[in-house]
N, C-alpha and C. Protein backbone atom coordinates (compact mmCIF):
# COMPACT_ATOMS: atom_id res chain seq x y z
N UNK A 1 27.04 5.75 -42.23
CA UNK A 1 25.87 4.89 -42.19
C UNK A 1 26.15 3.69 -43.10
N UNK A 2 25.93 2.50 -42.55
CA UNK A 2 26.17 1.28 -43.31
C UNK A 2 24.85 0.75 -43.85
N UNK A 3 24.87 0.31 -45.10
CA UNK A 3 23.68 -0.26 -45.72
C UNK A 3 23.69 -1.78 -45.56
N UNK A 4 22.56 -2.32 -45.12
CA UNK A 4 22.39 -3.76 -44.99
C UNK A 4 21.33 -4.19 -46.00
N UNK A 5 21.76 -4.92 -47.01
CA UNK A 5 20.84 -5.33 -48.07
C UNK A 5 20.17 -6.65 -47.72
N UNK A 6 18.85 -6.70 -47.95
CA UNK A 6 18.10 -7.94 -47.72
C UNK A 6 17.41 -8.34 -49.02
N UNK A 7 17.15 -9.64 -49.16
CA UNK A 7 16.50 -10.16 -50.37
C UNK A 7 15.06 -10.55 -50.12
N UNK A 8 14.56 -10.29 -48.92
CA UNK A 8 13.20 -10.67 -48.55
C UNK A 8 12.41 -9.41 -48.22
N UNK A 9 11.12 -9.58 -47.92
CA UNK A 9 10.27 -8.43 -47.60
C UNK A 9 10.72 -7.75 -46.31
N UNK A 10 11.15 -8.55 -45.34
CA UNK A 10 11.62 -8.02 -44.06
C UNK A 10 12.66 -8.96 -43.47
N UNK A 11 13.29 -8.49 -42.39
CA UNK A 11 14.27 -9.30 -41.65
C UNK A 11 14.01 -9.05 -40.17
N UNK A 12 14.21 -10.05 -39.34
CA UNK A 12 14.00 -9.85 -37.91
C UNK A 12 15.24 -9.19 -37.30
N UNK A 13 15.05 -8.59 -36.15
CA UNK A 13 16.15 -7.92 -35.47
C UNK A 13 17.31 -8.89 -35.21
N UNK A 14 16.99 -10.10 -34.77
CA UNK A 14 18.04 -11.09 -34.51
C UNK A 14 18.84 -11.41 -35.76
N UNK A 15 18.16 -11.59 -36.89
CA UNK A 15 18.83 -11.86 -38.16
C UNK A 15 19.64 -10.64 -38.59
N UNK A 16 19.09 -9.46 -38.38
CA UNK A 16 19.77 -8.22 -38.75
C UNK A 16 21.09 -8.07 -38.00
N UNK A 17 21.07 -8.30 -36.69
CA UNK A 17 22.28 -8.14 -35.89
C UNK A 17 23.40 -9.05 -36.39
N UNK A 18 23.05 -10.26 -36.79
CA UNK A 18 24.05 -11.19 -37.32
C UNK A 18 24.53 -10.74 -38.69
N UNK A 19 23.61 -10.35 -39.56
CA UNK A 19 23.95 -9.90 -40.91
C UNK A 19 24.83 -8.65 -40.88
N UNK A 20 24.58 -7.77 -39.92
CA UNK A 20 25.36 -6.53 -39.78
C UNK A 20 26.69 -6.78 -39.07
N UNK A 21 26.94 -8.03 -38.68
CA UNK A 21 28.16 -8.44 -37.98
C UNK A 21 28.33 -7.75 -36.63
N UNK A 22 27.21 -7.46 -35.97
CA UNK A 22 27.24 -6.90 -34.62
C UNK A 22 27.42 -8.05 -33.62
N UNK A 23 26.81 -9.21 -33.92
CA UNK A 23 26.95 -10.41 -33.10
C UNK A 23 27.46 -11.54 -33.98
N UNK A 24 28.01 -12.57 -33.35
CA UNK A 24 28.58 -13.69 -34.10
C UNK A 24 27.55 -14.75 -34.47
N UNK A 25 26.62 -15.03 -33.55
CA UNK A 25 25.62 -16.06 -33.79
C UNK A 25 24.24 -15.52 -33.46
N UNK A 26 23.22 -16.14 -34.03
CA UNK A 26 21.85 -15.72 -33.75
C UNK A 26 21.47 -15.89 -32.30
N UNK A 27 22.10 -16.86 -31.63
CA UNK A 27 21.82 -17.10 -30.22
C UNK A 27 22.25 -15.97 -29.30
N UNK A 28 23.13 -15.11 -29.78
CA UNK A 28 23.61 -13.98 -28.98
C UNK A 28 22.63 -12.81 -28.99
N UNK A 29 21.62 -12.86 -29.85
CA UNK A 29 20.71 -11.72 -30.03
C UNK A 29 19.99 -11.35 -28.74
N UNK A 30 19.45 -12.32 -28.05
CA UNK A 30 18.71 -12.04 -26.81
C UNK A 30 19.61 -11.37 -25.78
N UNK A 31 20.81 -11.89 -25.61
CA UNK A 31 21.77 -11.31 -24.67
C UNK A 31 22.12 -9.88 -25.11
N UNK A 32 22.45 -9.70 -26.39
CA UNK A 32 22.86 -8.39 -26.89
C UNK A 32 21.77 -7.35 -26.66
N UNK A 33 20.53 -7.70 -26.98
CA UNK A 33 19.43 -6.75 -26.83
C UNK A 33 19.13 -6.45 -25.36
N UNK A 34 19.51 -7.34 -24.46
CA UNK A 34 19.35 -7.08 -23.04
C UNK A 34 20.43 -6.18 -22.47
N UNK A 35 21.58 -6.15 -23.15
CA UNK A 35 22.73 -5.38 -22.65
C UNK A 35 22.91 -4.02 -23.32
N UNK A 36 22.44 -3.88 -24.55
CA UNK A 36 22.67 -2.67 -25.33
C UNK A 36 21.36 -2.03 -25.76
N UNK A 37 21.37 -0.71 -25.86
CA UNK A 37 20.21 0.02 -26.36
C UNK A 37 20.24 -0.02 -27.88
N UNK A 38 19.11 -0.35 -28.47
CA UNK A 38 18.98 -0.38 -29.93
C UNK A 38 17.78 0.49 -30.30
N UNK A 39 17.98 1.36 -31.26
CA UNK A 39 16.92 2.28 -31.69
C UNK A 39 16.56 2.00 -33.14
N UNK A 40 15.27 1.82 -33.39
CA UNK A 40 14.76 1.62 -34.75
C UNK A 40 13.93 2.84 -35.09
N UNK A 41 14.35 3.58 -36.11
CA UNK A 41 13.65 4.81 -36.51
C UNK A 41 13.47 5.74 -35.31
N UNK A 42 14.53 5.90 -34.53
CA UNK A 42 14.59 6.80 -33.36
C UNK A 42 13.74 6.37 -32.18
N UNK A 43 13.23 5.14 -32.17
CA UNK A 43 12.49 4.62 -31.02
C UNK A 43 13.22 3.38 -30.50
N UNK A 44 13.41 3.32 -29.18
CA UNK A 44 14.11 2.17 -28.60
C UNK A 44 13.26 0.91 -28.74
N UNK A 45 13.89 -0.17 -29.17
CA UNK A 45 13.19 -1.43 -29.36
C UNK A 45 14.15 -2.57 -29.07
N UNK A 46 13.81 -3.42 -28.13
CA UNK A 46 14.69 -4.51 -27.71
C UNK A 46 14.15 -5.89 -28.11
N UNK A 47 13.18 -5.94 -29.01
CA UNK A 47 12.58 -7.22 -29.40
C UNK A 47 13.39 -7.87 -30.52
N UNK A 48 13.86 -9.09 -30.30
CA UNK A 48 14.67 -9.73 -31.33
C UNK A 48 13.82 -10.19 -32.51
N UNK A 49 12.50 -10.29 -32.33
CA UNK A 49 11.61 -10.66 -33.41
C UNK A 49 11.06 -9.46 -34.18
N UNK A 50 11.48 -8.26 -33.81
CA UNK A 50 11.02 -7.03 -34.49
C UNK A 50 11.31 -7.15 -35.98
N UNK A 51 10.31 -6.89 -36.80
CA UNK A 51 10.48 -6.95 -38.24
C UNK A 51 11.04 -5.63 -38.75
N UNK A 52 12.10 -5.72 -39.51
CA UNK A 52 12.73 -4.55 -40.11
C UNK A 52 12.50 -4.60 -41.62
N UNK A 53 12.05 -3.50 -42.17
CA UNK A 53 11.72 -3.41 -43.58
C UNK A 53 12.71 -2.46 -44.28
N UNK A 54 12.84 -2.57 -45.61
CA UNK A 54 13.70 -1.61 -46.32
C UNK A 54 13.31 -0.17 -45.98
N UNK A 55 14.31 0.64 -45.69
CA UNK A 55 14.08 2.03 -45.31
C UNK A 55 14.20 2.25 -43.81
N UNK A 56 14.11 1.18 -43.01
CA UNK A 56 14.24 1.32 -41.56
C UNK A 56 15.69 1.65 -41.21
N UNK A 57 15.85 2.54 -40.22
CA UNK A 57 17.18 2.92 -39.75
C UNK A 57 17.37 2.35 -38.35
N UNK A 58 18.50 1.71 -38.14
CA UNK A 58 18.82 1.11 -36.85
C UNK A 58 20.07 1.79 -36.30
N UNK A 59 19.95 2.37 -35.10
CA UNK A 59 21.07 3.02 -34.44
C UNK A 59 21.46 2.20 -33.21
N UNK A 60 22.74 1.85 -33.15
CA UNK A 60 23.25 1.12 -31.99
C UNK A 60 24.46 1.90 -31.50
N UNK A 61 24.30 2.65 -30.39
CA UNK A 61 25.43 3.43 -29.88
C UNK A 61 26.67 2.55 -29.71
N UNK A 62 27.83 3.09 -30.08
CA UNK A 62 29.13 2.42 -30.03
C UNK A 62 29.31 1.38 -31.14
N UNK A 63 28.27 1.09 -31.93
CA UNK A 63 28.39 0.13 -33.03
C UNK A 63 28.13 0.79 -34.37
N UNK A 64 27.28 1.80 -34.41
CA UNK A 64 27.04 2.51 -35.67
C UNK A 64 25.56 2.65 -36.01
N UNK A 65 25.36 3.25 -37.18
CA UNK A 65 24.03 3.47 -37.71
C UNK A 65 23.92 2.66 -39.00
N UNK A 66 22.82 1.96 -39.13
CA UNK A 66 22.60 1.08 -40.27
C UNK A 66 21.26 1.41 -40.91
N UNK A 67 21.17 1.18 -42.21
CA UNK A 67 19.89 1.33 -42.90
C UNK A 67 19.62 0.04 -43.67
N UNK A 68 18.39 -0.42 -43.56
CA UNK A 68 18.00 -1.65 -44.24
C UNK A 68 17.62 -1.29 -45.67
N UNK A 69 18.19 -2.01 -46.61
CA UNK A 69 17.93 -1.74 -48.04
C UNK A 69 17.28 -2.94 -48.68
């Protein structure tokens, strides 16, 4: 499990994907979420504007499991 540290109250899914180095640019977020299943706290969520808070767990099959810190 990889830890992704943030300095703000929350981070959006699009920002998270870039910070976790899953995608190269923020513009790829919409495409990535349309092509891959992403689970937040064991529930599938494909919204790039989804707010992620410290303690949230993000699972992306074939990419790994991440926890927001």
